[in-house]
Amino acid sequence: MAKSPEEQRPKKAFGWAAKDSSGVLSPFKFSSRATGEKDVAFKVLYCGMRHSDIHMVKNEWSNSLYPFVPGFKVGDRVGVGCMVYSFRSCHNCKVDLENFCPKMVLTYSVKHYDGTTTYGGYSDYVVLR
């Protein structure tokens, strides 16, 4: 069944964002990307912290896109890993190696193919495919 326009448009969200490499997270309001035909949107209640979140917040790998909302170990009922999108029909995806997909989109601090920025689990709302 097709989604209604209300379900497809971006949703206002709140998270804790790194706005620079100081290591400080501060309140941040943003709009999630609109849900597509094969996407799932869900409310986040809890999210764990990983050491990679600290590396990204402090830009220790020199690839952070500020401001960003970290957090990729999201949920018990719904699990979100380090990526929110993969091609699903490339060789790597077909053999369950989505983490090597050439079109993979990480959970946070990157641009999605639609031009929106991905924001992680230190927020109240996440969209993924």
N, C-alpha and C. Protein backbone atom coordinates (compact mmCIF):
# COMPACT_ATOMS: atom_id res chain seq x y z
N MET A 1 0.84 -1.18 0.00
CA MET A 1 0.00 0.00 0.00
C MET A 1 0.89 1.24 0.00
N ALA A 2 0.54 2.20 -0.81
CA ALA A 2 1.31 3.45 -0.90
C ALA A 2 1.17 4.27 0.37
N LYS A 3 2.23 4.97 0.71
CA LYS A 3 2.21 5.83 1.89
C LYS A 3 1.51 7.14 1.56
N SER A 4 0.84 7.69 2.54
CA SER A 4 0.19 8.99 2.36
C SER A 4 1.26 10.08 2.30
N PRO A 5 0.93 11.25 1.72
CA PRO A 5 1.89 12.36 1.71
C PRO A 5 2.37 12.72 3.12
N GLU A 6 1.50 12.59 4.12
CA GLU A 6 1.86 12.88 5.51
C GLU A 6 2.98 11.95 5.98
N GLU A 7 2.90 10.67 5.59
CA GLU A 7 3.90 9.69 6.00
C GLU A 7 5.23 9.87 5.26
N GLN A 8 5.19 10.43 4.06
CA GLN A 8 6.38 10.53 3.23
C GLN A 8 7.22 11.77 3.47
N ARG A 9 6.64 12.83 3.97
CA ARG A 9 7.41 14.07 4.07
C ARG A 9 8.35 14.05 5.27
N PRO A 10 9.37 14.92 5.24
CA PRO A 10 10.33 14.97 6.36
C PRO A 10 9.63 15.24 7.69
N LYS A 11 10.18 14.68 8.76
CA LYS A 11 9.62 14.86 10.09
C LYS A 11 10.58 15.69 10.93
N LYS A 12 10.01 16.59 11.73
CA LYS A 12 10.83 17.38 12.66
C LYS A 12 11.37 16.44 13.73
N ALA A 13 12.65 16.59 14.04
CA ALA A 13 13.29 15.70 15.01
C ALA A 13 14.19 16.51 15.94
N PHE A 14 14.55 15.89 17.05
CA PHE A 14 15.43 16.49 18.05
C PHE A 14 16.53 15.51 18.37
N GLY A 15 17.74 16.00 18.51
CA GLY A 15 18.86 15.13 18.87
C GLY A 15 19.94 15.89 19.61
N TRP A 16 21.01 15.19 19.91
CA TRP A 16 22.19 15.77 20.55
C TRP A 16 23.30 15.76 19.51
N ALA A 17 23.75 16.95 19.12
CA ALA A 17 24.66 17.08 17.99
C ALA A 17 26.04 17.57 18.40
N ALA A 18 27.03 17.09 17.65
CA ALA A 18 28.37 17.67 17.70
C ALA A 18 28.36 18.78 16.66
N LYS A 19 28.70 19.99 17.08
CA LYS A 19 28.70 21.12 16.15
C LYS A 19 30.12 21.53 15.75
N ASP A 20 31.11 20.94 16.43
CA ASP A 20 32.53 21.17 16.13
C ASP A 20 33.32 20.04 16.80
N SER A 21 34.63 20.09 16.74
CA SER A 21 35.45 18.99 17.25
C SER A 21 35.77 19.10 18.74
N SER A 22 35.05 19.94 19.48
CA SER A 22 35.32 20.12 20.91
C SER A 22 34.97 18.90 21.76
N GLY A 23 34.13 18.02 21.24
CA GLY A 23 33.69 16.85 22.00
C GLY A 23 32.40 17.09 22.75
N VAL A 24 31.84 18.29 22.64
CA VAL A 24 30.60 18.65 23.33
C VAL A 24 29.40 18.36 22.43
N LEU A 25 28.37 17.72 23.00
CA LEU A 25 27.10 17.53 22.30
C LEU A 25 26.10 18.53 22.85
N SER A 26 25.32 19.13 21.98
CA SER A 26 24.33 20.11 22.42
C SER A 26 23.00 19.86 21.72
N PRO A 27 21.88 20.37 22.29
CA PRO A 27 20.57 20.17 21.68
C PRO A 27 20.55 20.66 20.23
N PHE A 28 19.83 19.90 19.38
CA PHE A 28 19.83 20.20 17.94
C PHE A 28 18.49 19.79 17.34
N LYS A 29 17.83 20.71 16.67
CA LYS A 29 16.59 20.40 15.96
C LYS A 29 16.91 20.27 14.48
N PHE A 30 16.31 19.25 13.83
CA PHE A 30 16.55 19.02 12.41
C PHE A 30 15.34 18.35 11.79
N SER A 31 15.33 18.25 10.48
CA SER A 31 14.29 17.52 9.77
C SER A 31 14.90 16.25 9.21
N SER A 32 14.25 15.13 9.45
CA SER A 32 14.72 13.87 8.88
C SER A 32 14.44 13.89 7.38
N ARG A 33 15.05 12.99 6.65
CA ARG A 33 14.71 12.90 5.24
C ARG A 33 13.34 12.25 5.11
N ALA A 34 12.67 12.52 4.02
CA ALA A 34 11.35 11.93 3.78
C ALA A 34 11.51 10.42 3.60
N THR A 35 10.52 9.67 4.01
CA THR A 35 10.57 8.22 3.84
C THR A 35 10.22 7.87 2.40
N GLY A 36 10.96 6.94 1.83
CA GLY A 36 10.69 6.44 0.49
C GLY A 36 9.88 5.16 0.57
N GLU A 37 9.63 4.59 -0.58
CA GLU A 37 8.78 3.40 -0.68
C GLU A 37 9.32 2.21 0.13
N LYS A 38 10.64 2.07 0.22
CA LYS A 38 11.24 0.93 0.92
C LYS A 38 11.88 1.32 2.25
N ASP A 39 11.58 2.51 2.74
CA ASP A 39 12.18 3.00 3.98
C ASP A 39 11.33 2.67 5.20
N VAL A 40 11.97 2.72 6.35
CA VAL A 40 11.31 2.55 7.64
C VAL A 40 11.67 3.76 8.49
N ALA A 41 10.69 4.31 9.18
CA ALA A 41 10.93 5.41 10.12
C ALA A 41 10.49 4.93 11.50
N PHE A 42 11.27 5.25 12.51
CA PHE A 42 10.88 4.83 13.85
C PHE A 42 11.38 5.80 14.90
N LYS A 43 10.71 5.77 16.04
CA LYS A 43 11.06 6.62 17.17
C LYS A 43 12.15 5.92 17.98
N VAL A 44 13.15 6.68 18.37
CA VAL A 44 14.27 6.16 19.16
C VAL A 44 14.03 6.45 20.63
N LEU A 45 14.10 5.42 21.47
CA LEU A 45 13.97 5.60 22.91
C LEU A 45 15.34 5.56 23.60
N TYR A 46 16.24 4.69 23.12
CA TYR A 46 17.55 4.53 23.72
C TYR A 46 18.59 4.28 22.63
N CYS A 47 19.80 4.71 22.88
CA CYS A 47 20.90 4.46 21.94
C CYS A 47 22.19 4.36 22.73
N GLY A 48 22.97 3.33 22.45
CA GLY A 48 24.25 3.16 23.12
C GLY A 48 25.33 4.05 22.53
N MET A 49 26.40 4.24 23.30
CA MET A 49 27.55 5.01 22.81
C MET A 49 28.68 4.04 22.49
N ARG A 50 29.30 4.24 21.34
CA ARG A 50 30.43 3.43 20.92
C ARG A 50 31.66 4.33 20.85
N HIS A 51 32.83 3.72 20.93
CA HIS A 51 34.04 4.52 20.88
C HIS A 51 34.17 5.24 19.54
N SER A 52 33.64 4.64 18.48
CA SER A 52 33.69 5.31 17.17
C SER A 52 32.89 6.61 17.19
N ASP A 53 31.84 6.69 18.02
CA ASP A 53 31.10 7.95 18.16
C ASP A 53 32.03 9.05 18.68
N ILE A 54 32.87 8.71 19.65
CA ILE A 54 33.81 9.69 20.22
C ILE A 54 34.82 10.13 19.16
N HIS A 55 35.34 9.16 18.38
CA HIS A 55 36.28 9.52 17.30
C HIS A 55 35.63 10.50 16.32
N MET A 56 34.38 10.23 15.96
CA MET A 56 33.69 11.09 15.00
C MET A 56 33.39 12.46 15.60
N VAL A 57 32.91 12.50 16.85
CA VAL A 57 32.60 13.78 17.50
C VAL A 57 33.83 14.67 17.53
N LYS A 58 34.98 14.09 17.81
CA LYS A 58 36.23 14.87 17.90
C LYS A 58 36.96 14.98 16.56
N ASN A 59 36.36 14.47 15.50
CA ASN A 59 36.93 14.50 14.15
C ASN A 59 38.33 13.87 14.10
N GLU A 60 38.53 12.81 14.86
CA GLU A 60 39.83 12.15 14.91
C GLU A 60 40.14 11.35 13.65
N TRP A 61 39.13 11.10 12.82
CA TRP A 61 39.35 10.41 11.56
C TRP A 61 39.28 11.39 10.37
N SER A 62 39.14 12.66 10.67
CA SER A 62 39.12 13.74 9.66
C SER A 62 38.04 13.59 8.61
N ASN A 63 36.88 13.03 8.98
CA ASN A 63 35.79 12.91 8.01
C ASN A 63 34.43 13.31 8.58
N SER A 64 34.41 14.04 9.69
CA SER A 64 33.14 14.45 10.30
C SER A 64 32.53 15.61 9.53
N LEU A 65 31.21 15.54 9.35
CA LEU A 65 30.44 16.57 8.66
C LEU A 65 29.56 17.25 9.72
N TYR A 66 30.00 18.40 10.20
CA TYR A 66 29.29 19.10 11.28
C TYR A 66 28.18 19.97 10.73
N PRO A 67 27.10 20.17 11.46
CA PRO A 67 26.75 19.48 12.70
C PRO A 67 26.25 18.07 12.38
N PHE A 68 26.45 17.14 13.31
CA PHE A 68 25.90 15.81 13.13
C PHE A 68 25.46 15.22 14.46
N VAL A 69 24.52 14.29 14.35
CA VAL A 69 23.97 13.59 15.50
C VAL A 69 24.54 12.18 15.47
N PRO A 70 25.43 11.82 16.41
CA PRO A 70 26.03 10.49 16.39
C PRO A 70 25.07 9.42 16.90
N GLY A 71 25.55 8.19 16.95
CA GLY A 71 24.77 7.09 17.51
C GLY A 71 24.32 6.11 16.45
N PHE A 72 24.99 4.93 16.38
CA PHE A 72 24.54 3.94 15.41
C PHE A 72 24.21 2.59 16.02
N LYS A 73 24.28 2.45 17.31
CA LYS A 73 23.82 1.23 17.97
C LYS A 73 22.46 1.54 18.58
N VAL A 74 21.46 1.54 17.72
CA VAL A 74 20.12 1.99 18.12
C VAL A 74 19.22 0.78 18.32
N GLY A 75 18.60 0.67 19.48
CA GLY A 75 17.46 -0.18 19.68
C GLY A 75 17.64 -1.63 20.02
N ASP A 76 16.60 -2.20 20.61
CA ASP A 76 16.49 -3.62 20.88
C ASP A 76 15.43 -4.26 20.00
N ARG A 77 14.31 -3.58 19.82
CA ARG A 77 13.25 -4.11 18.97
C ARG A 77 13.54 -3.85 17.50
N VAL A 78 14.14 -2.73 17.24
CA VAL A 78 14.62 -2.39 15.90
C VAL A 78 16.09 -2.10 16.05
N GLY A 79 16.93 -2.77 15.31
CA GLY A 79 18.36 -2.54 15.41
C GLY A 79 18.88 -1.75 14.22
N VAL A 80 19.72 -0.77 14.49
CA VAL A 80 20.35 0.02 13.44
C VAL A 80 21.85 -0.10 13.62
N GLY A 81 22.51 -0.51 12.58
CA GLY A 81 23.96 -0.63 12.63
C GLY A 81 24.64 0.63 12.14
N CYS A 82 25.79 0.45 11.52
CA CYS A 82 26.61 1.60 11.11
C CYS A 82 26.17 2.19 9.78
N MET A 83 25.14 1.61 9.13
CA MET A 83 24.67 2.19 7.87
C MET A 83 23.15 2.14 7.79
N VAL A 84 22.58 3.06 6.99
CA VAL A 84 21.13 3.14 6.85
C VAL A 84 20.66 2.83 5.43
N TYR A 85 21.60 2.57 4.52
CA TYR A 85 21.23 2.32 3.13
C TYR A 85 22.30 1.47 2.46
N SER A 86 21.86 0.53 1.64
CA SER A 86 22.76 -0.20 0.75
C SER A 86 22.00 -0.46 -0.55
N PHE A 87 22.71 -0.76 -1.61
CA PHE A 87 22.16 -0.89 -2.95
C PHE A 87 21.19 -2.07 -3.06
N ARG A 88 21.46 -3.15 -2.35
CA ARG A 88 20.64 -4.34 -2.24
C ARG A 88 20.65 -5.25 -3.46
N SER A 89 21.28 -4.83 -4.54
CA SER A 89 21.33 -5.73 -5.69
C SER A 89 22.74 -5.88 -6.26
N CYS A 90 23.73 -5.27 -5.60
CA CYS A 90 25.11 -5.47 -6.04
C CYS A 90 25.59 -6.84 -5.54
N HIS A 91 26.73 -7.28 -6.02
CA HIS A 91 27.27 -8.59 -5.62
C HIS A 91 27.42 -8.69 -4.10
N ASN A 92 28.01 -7.68 -3.47
CA ASN A 92 28.24 -7.73 -2.03
C ASN A 92 26.94 -7.85 -1.25
N CYS A 93 25.92 -7.10 -1.64
CA CYS A 93 24.63 -7.18 -0.95
C CYS A 93 23.99 -8.55 -1.12
N LYS A 94 24.11 -9.12 -2.30
CA LYS A 94 23.50 -10.43 -2.57
C LYS A 94 24.14 -11.56 -1.77
N VAL A 95 25.39 -11.38 -1.33
CA VAL A 95 26.05 -12.42 -0.53
C VAL A 95 26.17 -11.99 0.93
N ASP A 96 25.25 -11.13 1.37
CA ASP A 96 25.16 -10.68 2.77
C ASP A 96 26.40 -9.95 3.26
N LEU A 97 27.02 -9.17 2.38
CA LEU A 97 28.18 -8.35 2.76
C LEU A 97 27.86 -6.88 2.48
N GLU A 98 26.69 -6.43 2.97
CA GLU A 98 26.25 -5.06 2.72
C GLU A 98 27.27 -4.03 3.18
N ASN A 99 28.07 -4.37 4.19
CA ASN A 99 29.07 -3.42 4.69
C ASN A 99 30.16 -3.13 3.66
N PHE A 100 30.19 -3.89 2.56
CA PHE A 100 31.13 -3.62 1.46
C PHE A 100 30.41 -3.07 0.22
N CYS A 101 29.16 -2.73 0.35
CA CYS A 101 28.38 -2.19 -0.77
C CYS A 101 28.99 -0.86 -1.22
N PRO A 102 29.23 -0.69 -2.52
CA PRO A 102 29.81 0.57 -2.99
C PRO A 102 28.87 1.76 -2.84
N LYS A 103 27.58 1.51 -2.64
CA LYS A 103 26.61 2.60 -2.48
C LYS A 103 26.10 2.72 -1.04
N MET A 104 26.82 2.14 -0.10
CA MET A 104 26.44 2.19 1.31
C MET A 104 26.38 3.64 1.79
N VAL A 105 25.38 3.94 2.64
CA VAL A 105 25.27 5.25 3.28
C VAL A 105 25.36 5.02 4.79
N LEU A 106 26.32 5.67 5.44
CA LEU A 106 26.52 5.50 6.88
C LEU A 106 25.38 6.12 7.68
N THR A 107 25.23 5.70 8.92
CA THR A 107 24.13 6.14 9.78
C THR A 107 24.19 7.62 10.10
N TYR A 108 25.39 8.19 10.21
CA TYR A 108 25.47 9.62 10.52
C TYR A 108 26.69 10.28 9.90
N SER A 109 26.60 11.59 9.76
CA SER A 109 27.70 12.45 9.31
C SER A 109 28.10 12.25 7.86
N VAL A 110 27.14 11.87 7.01
CA VAL A 110 27.38 11.79 5.56
C VAL A 110 26.16 12.32 4.82
N LYS A 111 26.31 12.56 3.55
CA LYS A 111 25.18 12.95 2.70
C LYS A 111 24.55 11.70 2.11
N HIS A 112 23.22 11.61 2.21
CA HIS A 112 22.47 10.54 1.58
C HIS A 112 22.37 10.84 0.09
N TYR A 113 21.99 9.86 -0.72
CA TYR A 113 21.89 10.08 -2.16
C TYR A 113 20.86 11.14 -2.53
N ASP A 114 19.88 11.37 -1.67
CA ASP A 114 18.88 12.41 -1.97
C ASP A 114 19.35 13.80 -1.56
N GLY A 115 20.59 13.91 -1.04
CA GLY A 115 21.16 15.21 -0.68
C GLY A 115 20.99 15.59 0.78
N THR A 116 20.18 14.84 1.53
CA THR A 116 20.00 15.14 2.95
C THR A 116 21.18 14.60 3.75
N THR A 117 21.37 15.13 4.93
CA THR A 117 22.41 14.66 5.84
C THR A 117 21.84 13.55 6.71
N THR A 118 22.62 12.51 6.96
CA THR A 118 22.16 11.45 7.85
C THR A 118 22.50 11.83 9.29
N TYR A 119 21.53 11.57 10.20
CA TYR A 119 21.69 11.85 11.62
C TYR A 119 21.45 10.55 12.39
N GLY A 120 22.23 10.30 13.43
CA GLY A 120 22.22 9.03 14.14
C GLY A 120 21.23 8.93 15.28
N GLY A 121 21.49 7.95 16.14
CA GLY A 121 20.57 7.55 17.18
C GLY A 121 20.52 8.42 18.41
N TYR A 122 21.37 9.44 18.52
CA TYR A 122 21.24 10.38 19.63
C TYR A 122 20.16 11.38 19.29
N SER A 123 19.09 10.88 18.73
CA SER A 123 17.95 11.70 18.33
C SER A 123 16.68 10.93 18.64
N ASP A 124 15.55 11.54 18.41
CA ASP A 124 14.30 10.87 18.74
C ASP A 124 13.64 10.21 17.53
N TYR A 125 14.28 10.27 16.35
CA TYR A 125 13.65 9.79 15.14
C TYR A 125 14.71 9.42 14.11
N VAL A 126 14.59 8.26 13.47
CA VAL A 126 15.56 7.80 12.47
C VAL A 126 14.81 7.23 11.26
N VAL A 127 15.34 7.47 10.06
CA VAL A 127 14.80 6.89 8.83
C VAL A 127 15.90 6.04 8.21
N LEU A 128 15.55 4.82 7.79
CA LEU A 128 16.52 3.95 7.15
C LEU A 128 15.85 3.07 6.12
N ARG A 129 16.67 2.42 5.31
CA ARG A 129 16.15 1.50 4.31
C ARG A 129 16.61 0.11 4.66
